[in-house]
PDB file of N, CA and C in Angstrom:
ATOM      1  N   MET A   1      -3.547 -14.662   2.783  1.00  0.00           N
ATOM      2  CA  MET A   1      -4.636 -13.794   2.949  1.00  0.00           C
ATOM      3  C   MET A   1      -4.046 -12.379   2.628  1.00  0.00           C
ATOM      4  N   SER A   2      -4.925 -11.599   1.950  1.00  0.00           N
ATOM      5  CA  SER A   2      -4.552 -10.409   1.578  1.00  0.00           C
ATOM      6  C   SER A   2      -5.718  -9.299   1.576  1.00  0.00           C
ATOM      7  N   PRO A   3      -6.021  -8.904   2.892  1.00  0.00           N
ATOM      8  CA  PRO A   3      -7.282  -8.058   2.945  1.00  0.00           C
ATOM      9  C   PRO A   3      -7.184  -6.722   2.219  1.00  0.00           C
ATOM     10  N   SER A   4      -8.086  -6.280   1.629  1.00  0.00           N
ATOM     11  CA  SER A   4      -8.217  -5.036   0.970  1.00  0.00           C
ATOM     12  C   SER A   4      -8.423  -3.832   2.087  1.00  0.00           C
ATOM     13  N   ILE A   5      -7.695  -2.857   1.916  1.00  0.00           N
ATOM     14  CA  ILE A   5      -7.870  -1.810   2.792  1.00  0.00           C
ATOM     15  C   ILE A   5      -8.816  -0.687   2.321  1.00  0.00           C
ATOM     16  N   PHE A   6      -8.585  -0.391   1.043  1.00  0.00           N
ATOM     17  CA  PHE A   6      -9.569   0.424   0.251  1.00  0.00           C
ATOM     18  C   PHE A   6      -9.282   0.303  -1.168  1.00  0.00           C
ATOM     19  N   ARG A   7     -10.022   0.996  -2.081  1.00  0.00           N
ATOM     20  CA  ARG A   7     -10.006   1.048  -3.331  1.00  0.00           C
ATOM     21  C   ARG A   7     -10.151   2.502  -3.824  1.00  0.00           C
ATOM     22  N   GLU A   8      -9.481   2.860  -4.799  1.00  0.00           N
ATOM     23  CA  GLU A   8      -9.529   4.417  -5.191  1.00  0.00           C
ATOM     24  C   GLU A   8      -9.245   4.372  -6.539  1.00  0.00           C
ATOM     25  N   LYS A   9      -9.866   5.028  -7.496  1.00  0.00           N
ATOM     26  CA  LYS A   9      -9.649   4.932  -8.914  1.00  0.00           C
ATOM     27  C   LYS A   9      -9.728   3.547  -9.399  1.00  0.00           C
ATOM     28  N   ASP A  10      -8.677   3.141 -10.079  1.00  0.00           N
ATOM     29  CA  ASP A  10      -8.579   1.661 -10.529  1.00  0.00           C
ATOM     30  C   ASP A  10      -7.621   0.945  -9.757  1.00  0.00           C
ATOM     31  N   TYR A  11      -7.322   1.323  -8.542  1.00  0.00           N
ATOM     32  CA  TYR A  11      -6.305   0.721  -7.581  1.00  0.00           C
ATOM     33  C   TYR A  11      -6.836  -0.066  -6.440  1.00  0.00           C
ATOM     34  N   ARG A  12      -6.312  -0.976  -6.122  1.00  0.00           N
ATOM     35  CA  ARG A  12      -6.634  -1.787  -4.945  1.00  0.00           C
ATOM     36  C   ARG A  12      -5.448  -1.719  -3.877  1.00  0.00           C
ATOM     37  N   PHE A  13      -5.623  -1.270  -2.849  1.00  0.00           N
ATOM     38  CA  PHE A  13      -4.630  -1.119  -1.761  1.00  0.00           C
ATOM     39  C   PHE A  13      -4.958  -2.251  -0.689  1.00  0.00           C
ATOM     40  N   TYR A  14      -3.857  -3.012  -0.314  1.00  0.00           N
ATOM     41  CA  TYR A  14      -4.169  -4.155   0.408  1.00  0.00           C
ATOM     42  C   TYR A  14      -2.775  -4.512   1.204  1.00  0.00           C
ATOM     43  N   PHE A  15      -2.943  -5.414   2.189  1.00  0.00           N
ATOM     44  CA  PHE A  15      -1.736  -5.935   2.989  1.00  0.00           C
ATOM     45  C   PHE A  15      -1.639  -7.463   2.600  1.00  0.00           C
ATOM     46  N   LEU A  16      -0.398  -7.980   2.654  1.00  0.00           N
ATOM     47  CA  LEU A  16      -0.194  -9.377   2.594  1.00  0.00           C
ATOM     48  C   LEU A  16      -0.060  -9.881   4.034  1.00  0.00           C
ATOM     49  N   SER A  17      -0.550 -10.933   4.598  1.00  0.00           N
ATOM     50  CA  SER A  17      -0.622 -11.308   5.940  1.00  0.00           C
ATOM     51  C   SER A  17       0.597 -11.939   6.468  1.00  0.00           C
ATOM     52  N   ASN A  18       1.416 -12.494   5.469  1.00  0.00           N
ATOM     53  CA  ASN A  18       2.717 -13.184   6.026  1.00  0.00           C
ATOM     54  C   ASN A  18       3.840 -12.534   5.528  1.00  0.00           C
ATOM     55  N   GLU A  19       3.989 -11.320   5.841  1.00  0.00           N
ATOM     56  CA  GLU A  19       5.227 -10.575   5.371  1.00  0.00           C
ATOM     57  C   GLU A  19       5.948  -9.962   6.584  1.00  0.00           C
ATOM     58  N   GLU A  20       6.844  -9.108   6.286  1.00  0.00           N
ATOM     59  CA  GLU A  20       7.777  -8.443   7.136  1.00  0.00           C
ATOM     60  C   GLU A  20       6.787  -7.594   8.178  1.00  0.00           C
ATOM     61  N   GLU A  21       7.615  -7.109   9.218  1.00  0.00           N
ATOM     62  CA  GLU A  21       6.893  -6.249  10.208  1.00  0.00           C
ATOM     63  C   GLU A  21       6.909  -4.846   9.917  1.00  0.00           C
ATOM     64  N   ARG A  22       7.722  -4.400   9.218  1.00  0.00           N
ATOM     65  CA  ARG A  22       7.675  -2.964   8.775  1.00  0.00           C
ATOM     66  C   ARG A  22       6.523  -2.592   8.010  1.00  0.00           C
ATOM     67  N   ILE A  23       5.865  -1.406   8.407  1.00  0.00           N
ATOM     68  CA  ILE A  23       4.551  -1.082   7.941  1.00  0.00           C
ATOM     69  C   ILE A  23       4.715  -0.582   6.392  1.00  0.00           C
ATOM     70  N   HIS A  24       3.849  -1.324   5.529  1.00  0.00           N
ATOM     71  CA  HIS A  24       3.911  -1.156   4.124  1.00  0.00           C
ATOM     72  C   HIS A  24       2.530  -1.337   3.742  1.00  0.00           C
ATOM     73  N   ILE A  25       2.242  -0.820   2.448  1.00  0.00           N
ATOM     74  CA  ILE A  25       1.050  -1.230   1.581  1.00  0.00           C
ATOM     75  C   ILE A  25       1.255  -1.690   0.356  1.00  0.00           C
ATOM     76  N   HIS A  26       0.531  -2.582  -0.175  1.00  0.00           N
ATOM     77  CA  HIS A  26       0.634  -3.010  -1.582  1.00  0.00           C
ATOM     78  C   HIS A  26      -0.528  -2.419  -2.502  1.00  0.00           C
ATOM     79  N   VAL A  27      -0.339  -2.273  -3.719  1.00  0.00           N
ATOM     80  CA  VAL A  27      -1.262  -1.641  -4.532  1.00  0.00           C
ATOM     81  C   VAL A  27      -1.278  -2.470  -5.911  1.00  0.00           C
ATOM     82  N   THR A  28      -2.253  -2.632  -6.465  1.00  0.00           N
ATOM     83  CA  THR A  28      -2.324  -3.237  -7.770  1.00  0.00           C
ATOM     84  C   THR A  28      -3.390  -2.752  -8.569  1.00  0.00           C
ATOM     85  N   CYS A  29      -3.284  -2.734  -9.920  1.00  0.00           N
ATOM     86  CA  CYS A  29      -4.143  -2.270 -10.965  1.00  0.00           C
ATOM     87  C   CYS A  29      -3.909  -3.089 -12.270  1.00  0.00           C
ATOM     88  N   GLU A  30      -4.559  -2.847 -13.287  1.00  0.00           N
ATOM     89  CA  GLU A  30      -4.364  -3.713 -14.498  1.00  0.00           C
ATOM     90  C   GLU A  30      -2.937  -3.539 -15.051  1.00  0.00           C
ATOM     91  N   GLN A  31      -2.311  -2.410 -14.841  1.00  0.00           N
ATOM     92  CA  GLN A  31      -1.074  -2.082 -15.433  1.00  0.00           C
ATOM     93  C   GLN A  31       0.128  -2.608 -14.739  1.00  0.00           C
ATOM     94  N   GLY A  32      -0.081  -2.949 -13.304  1.00  0.00           N
ATOM     95  CA  GLY A  32       1.028  -3.517 -12.581  1.00  0.00           C
ATOM     96  C   GLY A  32       0.749  -3.357 -11.080  1.00  0.00           C
ATOM     97  N   GLU A  33       1.724  -3.386 -10.240  1.00  0.00           N
ATOM     98  CA  GLU A  33       1.730  -3.440  -8.959  1.00  0.00           C
ATOM     99  C   GLU A  33       2.996  -2.714  -8.255  1.00  0.00           C
ATOM    100  N   ALA A  34       2.809  -2.317  -6.881  1.00  0.00           N
ATOM    101  CA  ALA A  34       3.959  -1.655  -6.300  1.00  0.00           C
ATOM    102  C   ALA A  34       3.701  -2.019  -4.906  1.00  0.00           C
ATOM    103  N   LYS A  35       4.736  -1.746  -4.136  1.00  0.00           N
ATOM    104  CA  LYS A  35       4.801  -1.709  -2.585  1.00  0.00           C
ATOM    105  C   LYS A  35       5.353  -0.507  -2.166  1.00  0.00           C
ATOM    106  N   PHE A  36       4.788   0.110  -1.055  1.00  0.00           N
ATOM    107  CA  PHE A  36       5.317   1.296  -0.585  1.00  0.00           C
ATOM    108  C   PHE A  36       5.560   1.304   0.960  1.00  0.00           C
ATOM    109  N   TRP A  37       6.640   1.639   1.563  1.00  0.00           N
ATOM    110  CA  TRP A  37       6.863   1.730   2.827  1.00  0.00           C
ATOM    111  C   TRP A  37       6.173   2.873   3.441  1.00  0.00           C
ATOM    112  N   MET A  38       5.588   2.791   4.626  1.00  0.00           N
ATOM    113  CA  MET A  38       4.912   3.902   5.206  1.00  0.00           C
ATOM    114  C   MET A  38       5.704   4.653   6.332  1.00  0.00           C
ATOM    115  N   LYS A  39       6.786   3.996   6.676  1.00  0.00           N
ATOM    116  CA  LYS A  39       7.713   4.802   7.740  1.00  0.00           C
ATOM    117  C   LYS A  39       9.089   4.368   7.518  1.00  0.00           C
ATOM    118  N   PRO A  40      10.093   5.184   7.670  1.00  0.00           N
ATOM    119  CA  PRO A  40       9.849   6.428   8.342  1.00  0.00           C
ATOM    120  C   PRO A  40       9.049   7.545   7.506  1.00  0.00           C
ATOM    121  N   ILE A  41       9.146   7.397   6.286  1.00  0.00           N
ATOM    122  CA  ILE A  41       8.481   8.331   5.388  1.00  0.00           C
ATOM    123  C   ILE A  41       7.816   7.429   4.257  1.00  0.00           C
ATOM    124  N   ILE A  42       6.868   7.939   3.732  1.00  0.00           N
ATOM    125  CA  ILE A  42       6.091   7.124   2.730  1.00  0.00           C
ATOM    126  C   ILE A  42       7.013   7.136   1.383  1.00  0.00           C
ATOM    127  N   SER A  43       7.368   5.917   0.988  1.00  0.00           N
ATOM    128  CA  SER A  43       8.394   5.800  -0.235  1.00  0.00           C
ATOM    129  C   SER A  43       8.164   4.393  -0.979  1.00  0.00           C
ATOM    130  N   LEU A  44       8.620   4.424  -2.135  1.00  0.00           N
ATOM    131  CA  LEU A  44       8.492   3.355  -3.008  1.00  0.00           C
ATOM    132  C   LEU A  44       9.458   2.333  -2.648  1.00  0.00           C
ATOM    133  N   ALA A  45       9.012   1.072  -2.315  1.00  0.00           N
ATOM    134  CA  ALA A  45       9.779  -0.142  -2.066  1.00  0.00           C
ATOM    135  C   ALA A  45      10.152  -0.763  -3.303  1.00  0.00           C
ATOM    136  N   LEU A  46       9.109  -1.081  -4.172  1.00  0.00           N
ATOM    137  CA  LEU A  46       9.382  -1.806  -5.395  1.00  0.00           C
ATOM    138  C   LEU A  46       8.031  -1.643  -6.174  1.00  0.00           C
ATOM    139  N   SER A  47       8.239  -1.911  -7.476  1.00  0.00           N
ATOM    140  CA  SER A  47       7.237  -1.653  -8.522  1.00  0.00           C
ATOM    141  C   SER A  47       7.519  -2.541  -9.597  1.00  0.00           C
ATOM    142  N   HIS A  48       6.391  -2.884 -10.347  1.00  0.00           N
ATOM    143  CA  HIS A  48       6.423  -3.654 -11.659  1.00  0.00           C
ATOM    144  C   HIS A  48       5.396  -3.397 -12.497  1.00  0.00           C
ATOM    145  N   GLY A  49       5.795  -2.830 -13.739  1.00  0.00           N
ATOM    146  CA  GLY A  49       4.760  -2.354 -14.797  1.00  0.00           C
ATOM    147  C   GLY A  49       4.142  -0.964 -14.727  1.00  0.00           C
ATOM    148  N   LEU A  50       4.489  -0.354 -13.646  1.00  0.00           N
ATOM    149  CA  LEU A  50       3.795   0.981 -13.336  1.00  0.00           C
ATOM    150  C   LEU A  50       4.924   2.000 -13.720  1.00  0.00           C
ATOM    151  N   ASN A  51       4.367   3.191 -14.582  1.00  0.00           N
ATOM    152  CA  ASN A  51       5.266   4.293 -14.959  1.00  0.00           C
ATOM    153  C   ASN A  51       5.280   5.184 -13.781  1.00  0.00           C
ATOM    154  N   SER A  52       6.223   6.202 -13.955  1.00  0.00           N
ATOM    155  CA  SER A  52       6.464   7.225 -12.951  1.00  0.00           C
ATOM    156  C   SER A  52       5.175   7.989 -12.678  1.00  0.00           C
ATOM    157  N   ARG A  53       4.287   8.255 -13.739  1.00  0.00           N
ATOM    158  CA  ARG A  53       3.142   9.031 -13.466  1.00  0.00           C
ATOM    159  C   ARG A  53       2.175   8.350 -12.613  1.00  0.00           C
ATOM    160  N   ARG A  54       1.903   6.958 -12.760  1.00  0.00           N
ATOM    161  CA  ARG A  54       1.183   6.229 -11.934  1.00  0.00           C
ATOM    162  C   ARG A  54       1.634   6.343 -10.599  1.00  0.00           C
ATOM    163  N   LEU A  55       3.028   6.101 -10.371  1.00  0.00           N
ATOM    164  CA  LEU A  55       3.625   5.840  -9.157  1.00  0.00           C
ATOM    165  C   LEU A  55       3.459   7.086  -8.348  1.00  0.00           C
ATOM    166  N   LYS A  56       3.577   8.311  -9.104  1.00  0.00           N
ATOM    167  CA  LYS A  56       3.348   9.519  -8.283  1.00  0.00           C
ATOM    168  C   LYS A  56       1.827   9.639  -7.824  1.00  0.00           C
ATOM    169  N   GLU A  57       0.963   9.303  -8.659  1.00  0.00           N
ATOM    170  CA  GLU A  57      -0.450   9.308  -8.285  1.00  0.00           C
ATOM    171  C   GLU A  57      -0.711   8.251  -7.245  1.00  0.00           C
ATOM    172  N   ILE A  58      -0.271   7.125  -7.191  1.00  0.00           N
ATOM    173  CA  ILE A  58      -0.427   6.230  -6.085  1.00  0.00           C
ATOM    174  C   ILE A  58       0.069   6.770  -4.881  1.00  0.00           C
ATOM    175  N   GLN A  59       1.400   7.335  -4.773  1.00  0.00           N
ATOM    176  CA  GLN A  59       1.892   7.817  -3.515  1.00  0.00           C
ATOM    177  C   GLN A  59       1.001   8.870  -3.083  1.00  0.00           C
ATOM    178  N   LYS A  60       0.513   9.788  -3.930  1.00  0.00           N
ATOM    179  CA  LYS A  60      -0.367  10.881  -3.414  1.00  0.00           C
ATOM    180  C   LYS A  60      -1.659  10.268  -2.728  1.00  0.00           C
ATOM    181  N   ILE A  61      -2.187   9.220  -3.245  1.00  0.00           N
ATOM    182  CA  ILE A  61      -3.383   8.659  -2.532  1.00  0.00           C
ATOM    183  C   ILE A  61      -2.992   7.907  -1.315  1.00  0.00           C
ATOM    184  N   ILE A  62      -1.870   7.355  -1.247  1.00  0.00           N
ATOM    185  CA  ILE A  62      -1.340   6.808   0.024  1.00  0.00           C
ATOM    186  C   ILE A  62      -1.107   7.963   1.032  1.00  0.00           C
ATOM    187  N   GLU A  63      -0.679   8.849   0.492  1.00  0.00           N
ATOM    188  CA  GLU A  63      -0.314  10.141   1.497  1.00  0.00           C
ATOM    189  C   GLU A  63      -1.636  10.505   2.027  1.00  0.00           C
ATOM    190  N   GLY A  64      -2.716  10.583   1.311  1.00  0.00           N
ATOM    191  CA  GLY A  64      -3.948  11.123   1.659  1.00  0.00           C
ATOM    192  C   GLY A  64      -4.760  10.019   2.561  1.00  0.00           C
ATOM    193  N   HIS A  65      -4.341   8.858   2.655  1.00  0.00           N
ATOM    194  CA  HIS A  65      -4.931   7.719   3.549  1.00  0.00           C
ATOM    195  C   HIS A  65      -3.875   7.229   4.652  1.00  0.00           C
ATOM    196  N   GLU A  66      -2.870   7.989   4.871  1.00  0.00           N
ATOM    197  CA  GLU A  66      -1.827   7.560   5.579  1.00  0.00           C
ATOM    198  C   GLU A  66      -2.344   7.082   7.072  1.00  0.00           C
ATOM    199  N   ASN A  67      -3.071   7.795   7.697  1.00  0.00           N
ATOM    200  CA  ASN A  67      -3.664   7.504   9.085  1.00  0.00           C
ATOM    201  C   ASN A  67      -4.481   6.183   9.062  1.00  0.00           C
ATOM    202  N   GLU A  68      -5.295   6.185   8.007  1.00  0.00           N
ATOM    203  CA  GLU A  68      -6.298   5.084   7.820  1.00  0.00           C
ATOM    204  C   GLU A  68      -5.406   3.749   7.632  1.00  0.00           C
ATOM    205  N   ILE A  69      -4.344   3.763   6.712  1.00  0.00           N
ATOM    206  CA  ILE A  69      -3.428   2.547   6.393  1.00  0.00           C
ATOM    207  C   ILE A  69      -2.789   2.139   7.771  1.00  0.00           C
ATOM    208  N   ILE A  70      -2.107   3.103   8.467  1.00  0.00           N
ATOM    209  CA  ILE A  70      -1.316   2.705   9.688  1.00  0.00           C
ATOM    210  C   ILE A  70      -2.407   2.047  10.674  1.00  0.00           C
ATOM    211  N   LYS A  71      -3.624   2.586  10.962  1.00  0.00           N
ATOM    212  CA  LYS A  71      -4.542   2.165  11.759  1.00  0.00           C
ATOM    213  C   LYS A  71      -5.044   0.823  11.484  1.00  0.00           C
ATOM    214  N   GLU A  72      -5.232   0.591  10.003  1.00  0.00           N
ATOM    215  CA  GLU A  72      -5.680  -0.698   9.668  1.00  0.00           C
ATOM    216  C   GLU A  72      -4.487  -1.828   9.728  1.00  0.00           C
ATOM    217  N   TRP A  73      -3.274  -1.490   9.601  1.00  0.00           N
ATOM    218  CA  TRP A  73      -2.227  -2.248   9.910  1.00  0.00           C
ATOM    219  C   TRP A  73      -2.068  -2.731  11.280  1.00  0.00           C
ATOM    220  N   GLN A  74      -2.264  -1.845  12.217  1.00  0.00           N
ATOM    221  CA  GLN A  74      -2.098  -2.201  13.608  1.00  0.00           C
ATOM    222  C   GLN A  74      -3.256  -3.153  13.966  1.00  0.00           C
ATOM    223  N   LYS A  75      -4.495  -2.691  13.466  1.00  0.00           N
ATOM    224  CA  LYS A  75      -5.639  -3.660  13.810  1.00  0.00           C
ATOM    225  C   LYS A  75      -5.510  -4.960  13.100  1.00  0.00           C
ATOM    226  N   HIS A  76      -5.072  -5.126  11.995  1.00  0.00           N
ATOM    227  CA  HIS A  76      -4.815  -6.418  11.273  1.00  0.00           C
ATOM    228  C   HIS A  76      -3.781  -7.214  12.029  1.00  0.00           C
ATOM    229  N   PHE A  77      -2.628  -6.725  12.096  1.00  0.00           N
ATOM    230  CA  PHE A  77      -1.413  -7.321  12.478  1.00  0.00           C
ATOM    231  C   PHE A  77      -1.498  -7.595  13.926  1.00  0.00           C
ATOM    232  N   ASN A  78      -2.148  -6.858  14.698  1.00  0.00           N
ATOM    233  CA  ASN A  78      -2.116  -7.071  16.177  1.00  0.00           C
ATOM    234  C   ASN A  78      -3.104  -8.244  16.593  1.00  0.00           C
ATOM    235  N   LYS A  79      -3.910  -8.692  15.694  1.00  0.00           N
ATOM    236  CA  LYS A  79      -4.770  -9.783  15.788  1.00  0.00           C
ATOM    237  C   LYS A  79      -3.927 -11.153  15.798  1.00  0.00           C
ATOM    238  N   ARG A  80      -2.814 -11.196  15.240  1.00  0.00           N
ATOM    239  CA  ARG A  80      -2.022 -12.388  15.062  1.00  0.00           C
ATOM    240  C   ARG A  80      -1.176 -12.633  16.386  1.00  0.00           C
TER     241      ARG A  80
END
């Protein structure tokens, strides 16, 4: 299960339900995908197919939705 948290531009931001406990967000688009850690600071964990311009753009979007992402993470993973 991978619930979408939000979409912005051509990106889909989502969680994977059976992963590690450290808060993070996945993002995908036609060009590739990435995973960003949310704590202790927002930082790139891994990426495939995305150039540095896209990764910077994605990180700025994540920074703008930081509180929402963390709230949704807690809501989703506290259900289990």
